[in-house]
């Protein structure tokens, strides 16, 4: 446990030395200013429009920030041969992985809390709390998948593209399923073979991916429909996918030769 906490602490130190707080401050200032400007353009229901816009910007921006933070930090460690130096010490590789996971996940929790404080300007505290817990689950999954991709590819570009493809596809898979189902239904009595293959393929992909379209829903911020029971499937999916992604990442880490 002391090794894990030490590695997690150095993740924070590295983030602070890279001026992460300055970047987050500029990002939040820009998001709030843009939200205020967008509110001036809205004809009606200004607060509802601003809350939805700010939530979407903060959610996507936080995902990109955490993804880039994890990938660039790990790739820099690969290039400096710091990973091999650490793994040559008498410590299990799992301790190194869980230390990195703990450090980056705590940074994700900190970023989600800042997002919640910004949303309190437009949204009641109860809805913001539900949204924030869901946001933490989403960012933790992104952190874990980023670690998996950086262990697999060891390159910034490939890892970043893979993580963003995973996130965007998980976010929009319900729309893809609806399009595929509509195409099959509009095909008449005997849908074409290509439509069937597309529908089955998208259904298989949707079964594998997490349902990110149920995470951090904008309806909670706009219509205040969030209830605590809505977090049960979110937390359940997070636990299942964390186990799967951690297992894959540890397998990839242990198979690396020093």
Protein backbone atom coordinates (compact mmCIF):
# COMPACT_ATOMS: atom_id res chain seq x y z
CA UNK A 1 0.00 0.00 0.00
CA UNK A 2 2.87 2.41 0.74
CA UNK A 3 4.25 1.82 -2.77
CA UNK A 4 0.85 2.50 -4.33
CA UNK A 5 0.41 5.71 -2.36
CA UNK A 6 3.92 6.89 -3.23
CA UNK A 7 3.37 6.36 -6.96
CA UNK A 8 -0.03 8.08 -6.73
CA UNK A 9 1.59 11.03 -4.97
CA UNK A 10 4.13 11.44 -7.75
CA UNK A 11 1.30 11.46 -10.29
CA UNK A 12 -0.06 14.53 -8.50
CA UNK A 13 3.37 16.14 -8.33
CA UNK A 14 3.94 15.62 -12.04
CA UNK A 15 0.52 17.06 -12.87
CA UNK A 16 1.16 20.14 -10.75
CA UNK A 17 4.62 20.69 -12.23
CA UNK A 18 3.12 20.51 -15.71
CA UNK A 19 0.87 23.45 -14.75
CA UNK A 20 -2.30 21.39 -14.88
CA UNK A 21 -4.08 23.79 -12.51
CA UNK A 22 -3.32 26.74 -14.78
CA UNK A 23 -4.67 24.87 -17.78
CA UNK A 24 -7.82 23.80 -15.92
CA UNK A 25 -8.35 27.37 -14.73
CA UNK A 26 -8.11 28.74 -18.27
CA UNK A 27 -10.40 25.98 -19.54
CA UNK A 28 -13.05 26.74 -16.91
CA UNK A 29 -12.81 30.48 -17.50
CA UNK A 30 -13.25 29.96 -21.24
CA UNK A 31 -16.18 27.55 -20.71
CA UNK A 32 -18.02 29.89 -18.34
CA UNK A 33 -17.43 32.89 -20.62
CA UNK A 34 -18.66 31.00 -23.66
CA UNK A 35 -21.70 29.79 -21.72
CA UNK A 36 -22.56 33.34 -20.70
CA UNK A 37 -22.20 34.46 -24.32
CA UNK A 38 -24.38 31.60 -25.56
CA UNK A 39 -27.02 32.57 -22.99
CA UNK A 40 -27.23 36.03 -24.51
CA UNK A 41 -28.09 34.45 -27.87
CA UNK A 42 -30.85 32.23 -26.51
CA UNK A 43 -34.36 33.51 -27.15
CA UNK A 44 -36.12 31.56 -24.39
CA UNK A 45 -35.22 29.25 -21.46
CA UNK A 46 -31.78 30.76 -21.18
CA UNK A 47 -30.78 29.02 -17.94
CA UNK A 48 -31.79 25.59 -19.25
CA UNK A 49 -29.83 26.12 -22.45
CA UNK A 50 -26.78 27.34 -20.53
CA UNK A 51 -26.83 24.41 -18.11
CA UNK A 52 -27.00 21.88 -20.97
CA UNK A 53 -24.23 23.61 -22.92
CA UNK A 54 -21.91 24.01 -19.92
CA UNK A 55 -22.44 20.40 -18.86
CA UNK A 56 -21.61 19.10 -22.34
CA UNK A 57 -18.49 21.27 -22.64
CA UNK A 58 -17.20 20.33 -19.18
CA UNK A 59 -17.88 16.63 -19.72
CA UNK A 60 -16.11 16.36 -23.07
CA UNK A 61 -13.28 18.69 -22.01
CA UNK A 62 -12.66 16.68 -18.84
CA UNK A 63 -12.49 13.45 -20.83
CA UNK A 64 -9.94 14.93 -23.24
CA UNK A 65 -7.86 16.41 -20.39
CA UNK A 66 -7.70 13.14 -18.44
CA UNK A 67 -6.99 11.12 -21.57
CA UNK A 68 -4.10 13.36 -22.63
CA UNK A 69 -2.76 13.61 -19.07
CA UNK A 70 -2.56 9.82 -18.65
CA UNK A 71 -1.18 9.10 -22.11
CA UNK A 72 1.46 11.84 -22.25
CA UNK A 73 2.63 11.11 -18.71
CA UNK A 74 3.01 7.39 -19.37
CA UNK A 75 4.65 7.81 -22.79
CA UNK A 76 7.15 10.27 -21.31
CA UNK A 77 7.96 7.66 -18.67
CA UNK A 78 8.44 5.04 -21.39
CA UNK A 79 10.76 7.30 -23.39
CA UNK A 80 12.82 8.24 -20.32
CA UNK A 81 13.10 4.55 -19.39
CA UNK A 82 11.60 5.42 -16.03
CA UNK A 83 9.15 2.52 -16.22
CA UNK A 84 11.93 -0.02 -16.58
CA UNK A 85 13.83 1.55 -13.69
CA UNK A 86 10.79 1.32 -11.43
CA UNK A 87 9.96 -2.24 -12.47
CA UNK A 88 13.55 -3.33 -11.81
CA UNK A 89 13.00 -2.58 -8.12
CA UNK A 90 11.78 -5.35 -5.76
CA UNK A 91 8.09 -4.53 -6.17
CA UNK A 92 5.24 -6.25 -8.02
CA UNK A 93 4.13 -4.77 -11.29
CA UNK A 94 0.56 -4.69 -10.00
CA UNK A 95 1.63 -2.16 -7.36
CA UNK A 96 2.95 0.12 -10.10
CA UNK A 97 -0.28 -0.17 -12.07
CA UNK A 98 -2.56 0.44 -9.10
CA UNK A 99 -0.39 3.35 -8.00
CA UNK A 100 -0.81 5.01 -11.40
CA UNK A 101 -4.51 4.17 -11.38
CA UNK A 102 -4.99 5.65 -7.92
CA UNK A 103 -3.11 8.82 -8.79
CA UNK A 104 -4.87 9.52 -12.07
CA UNK A 105 -8.28 8.52 -10.67
CA UNK A 106 -7.88 10.94 -7.76
CA UNK A 107 -7.08 13.66 -10.30
CA UNK A 108 -10.26 12.68 -12.16
CA UNK A 109 -12.28 13.02 -8.94
CA UNK A 110 -10.74 16.46 -8.36
CA UNK A 111 -11.61 17.55 -11.91
CA UNK A 112 -15.19 16.27 -11.56
CA UNK A 113 -15.59 18.24 -8.32
CA UNK A 114 -14.47 21.42 -10.08
CA UNK A 115 -17.03 20.76 -12.82
CA UNK A 116 -19.74 20.39 -10.19
CA UNK A 117 -18.81 23.70 -8.58
CA UNK A 118 -19.06 25.40 -11.97
CA UNK A 119 -22.49 23.87 -12.67
CA UNK A 120 -23.87 25.11 -9.35
CA UNK A 121 -24.28 28.49 -11.04
CA UNK A 122 -27.17 27.14 -13.14
CA UNK A 123 -28.29 23.80 -11.62
CA UNK A 124 -29.61 22.80 -8.14
CA UNK A 125 -27.11 21.09 -5.86
CA UNK A 126 -28.96 17.76 -5.74
CA UNK A 127 -28.90 17.31 -9.50
CA UNK A 128 -25.28 18.43 -9.68
CA UNK A 129 -24.30 15.82 -7.08
CA UNK A 130 -25.93 13.01 -9.06
CA UNK A 131 -24.31 14.27 -12.25
CA UNK A 132 -20.94 14.56 -10.53
CA UNK A 133 -20.94 10.99 -9.22
CA UNK A 134 -21.76 9.74 -12.70
CA UNK A 135 -18.99 11.96 -14.07
CA UNK A 136 -16.48 10.38 -11.70
CA UNK A 137 -17.47 6.90 -12.93
CA UNK A 138 -17.06 8.00 -16.54
CA UNK A 139 -13.65 9.58 -15.99
CA UNK A 140 -12.36 6.58 -14.02
CA UNK A 141 -13.25 4.30 -16.93
CA UNK A 142 -11.48 6.67 -19.32
CA UNK A 143 -8.38 6.65 -17.08
CA UNK A 144 -8.32 2.84 -17.01
CA UNK A 145 -8.83 2.49 -20.75
CA UNK A 146 -6.12 5.10 -21.36
CA UNK A 147 -3.69 3.06 -19.27
CA UNK A 148 -4.60 -0.04 -21.25
CA UNK A 149 -4.07 1.72 -24.59
CA UNK A 150 -0.77 3.29 -23.59
CA UNK A 151 0.55 -0.10 -22.42
CA UNK A 152 -0.55 -1.63 -25.72
CA UNK A 153 0.62 1.06 -28.18
CA UNK A 154 3.26 3.10 -26.26
CA UNK A 155 2.53 6.04 -28.59
CA UNK A 156 0.59 9.22 -27.94
CA UNK A 157 -1.26 9.37 -31.26
CA UNK A 158 -2.45 5.77 -31.45
CA UNK A 159 -3.44 5.64 -27.78
CA UNK A 160 -5.32 8.95 -27.94
CA UNK A 161 -7.20 7.98 -31.12
CA UNK A 162 -8.14 4.60 -29.60
CA UNK A 163 -9.45 6.17 -26.37
CA UNK A 164 -11.45 8.87 -28.15
CA UNK A 165 -12.89 6.32 -30.60
CA UNK A 166 -13.92 4.19 -27.61
CA UNK A 167 -15.55 7.17 -25.90
CA UNK A 168 -17.36 8.59 -28.94
CA UNK A 169 -18.60 5.16 -29.99
CA UNK A 170 -19.82 4.39 -26.46
CA UNK A 171 -21.56 7.77 -26.32
CA UNK A 172 -23.34 7.39 -29.66
CA UNK A 173 -23.95 3.66 -29.89
CA UNK A 174 -27.65 4.10 -29.04
CA UNK A 175 -28.06 6.40 -32.06
CA UNK A 176 -26.27 3.89 -34.29
CA UNK A 177 -28.55 1.13 -33.02
CA UNK A 178 -31.62 3.26 -33.75
CA UNK A 179 -30.40 3.96 -37.29
CA UNK A 180 -29.72 0.28 -37.92
CA UNK A 181 -33.10 -0.79 -36.51
CA UNK A 182 -34.89 1.82 -38.61
CA UNK A 183 -33.08 0.67 -41.75
CA UNK A 184 -34.18 -2.92 -41.15
CA UNK A 185 -37.76 -1.90 -40.33
CA UNK A 186 -38.04 0.25 -43.47
CA UNK A 187 -36.79 -2.57 -45.64
CA UNK A 188 -40.25 -4.05 -46.04
CA UNK A 189 -41.11 -7.68 -45.51
CA UNK A 190 -37.63 -8.99 -46.33
CA UNK A 191 -34.81 -6.71 -45.18
CA UNK A 192 -31.67 -6.79 -47.24
CA UNK A 193 -28.77 -8.94 -46.12
CA UNK A 194 -26.50 -5.90 -45.65
CA UNK A 195 -29.05 -4.26 -43.33
CA UNK A 196 -29.26 -7.41 -41.22
CA UNK A 197 -25.48 -7.70 -40.98
CA UNK A 198 -25.18 -4.02 -40.03
CA UNK A 199 -27.87 -4.34 -37.37
CA UNK A 200 -26.32 -7.48 -35.86
CA UNK A 201 -22.83 -5.98 -35.92
CA UNK A 202 -23.90 -2.78 -34.20
CA UNK A 203 -25.85 -4.81 -31.64
CA UNK A 204 -22.75 -6.87 -30.87
CA UNK A 205 -20.62 -3.75 -30.48
CA UNK A 206 -23.25 -2.17 -28.22
CA UNK A 207 -23.24 -5.29 -26.05
CA UNK A 208 -19.48 -4.98 -25.51
CA UNK A 209 -19.23 -1.22 -24.93
CA UNK A 210 -20.34 0.61 -21.77
CA UNK A 211 -23.54 2.64 -22.09
CA UNK A 212 -21.97 6.07 -21.76
CA UNK A 213 -25.18 7.66 -23.09
CA UNK A 214 -26.71 6.84 -19.69
CA UNK A 215 -23.79 8.49 -17.84
CA UNK A 216 -23.87 12.21 -16.96
CA UNK A 217 -27.17 12.77 -18.71
CA UNK A 218 -27.94 16.34 -19.77
CA UNK A 219 -31.58 15.78 -18.78
CA UNK A 220 -30.50 15.82 -15.15
CA UNK A 221 -29.11 19.32 -15.59
CA UNK A 222 -31.87 20.70 -17.81
CA UNK A 223 -35.09 19.09 -16.56
CA UNK A 224 -33.85 18.09 -13.07
CA UNK A 225 -35.03 14.49 -13.54
CA UNK A 226 -32.04 12.86 -11.87
CA UNK A 227 -32.78 10.39 -9.07
CA UNK A 228 -30.33 8.42 -6.96
CA UNK A 229 -31.64 5.11 -8.31
CA UNK A 230 -30.39 6.13 -11.77
CA UNK A 231 -26.84 5.77 -10.45
CA UNK A 232 -27.23 2.04 -9.74
CA UNK A 233 -26.74 0.89 -13.36
CA UNK A 234 -23.98 3.50 -13.79
CA UNK A 235 -22.02 2.25 -10.77
CA UNK A 236 -22.70 -1.37 -11.73
CA UNK A 237 -21.37 -0.92 -15.25
CA UNK A 238 -18.37 0.97 -13.91
CA UNK A 239 -17.47 -1.89 -11.57
CA UNK A 240 -17.81 -4.53 -14.30
CA UNK A 241 -15.79 -2.63 -16.90
CA UNK A 242 -13.15 -1.65 -14.36
CA UNK A 243 -12.48 -5.31 -13.61
CA UNK A 244 -12.28 -6.14 -17.32
CA UNK A 245 -10.05 -3.20 -18.27
CA UNK A 246 -7.76 -3.63 -15.26
CA UNK A 247 -7.33 -7.30 -16.06
CA UNK A 248 -6.41 -6.53 -19.67
CA UNK A 249 -4.00 -3.75 -18.64
CA UNK A 250 -2.28 -5.93 -16.03
CA UNK A 251 -1.95 -8.76 -18.55
CA UNK A 252 -0.29 -6.39 -21.01
CA UNK A 253 2.00 -4.98 -18.32
CA UNK A 254 3.14 -8.38 -17.04
CA UNK A 255 3.95 -9.68 -20.52
CA UNK A 256 6.39 -6.82 -21.17
CA UNK A 257 10.02 -7.83 -20.96
CA UNK A 258 12.52 -5.64 -19.09
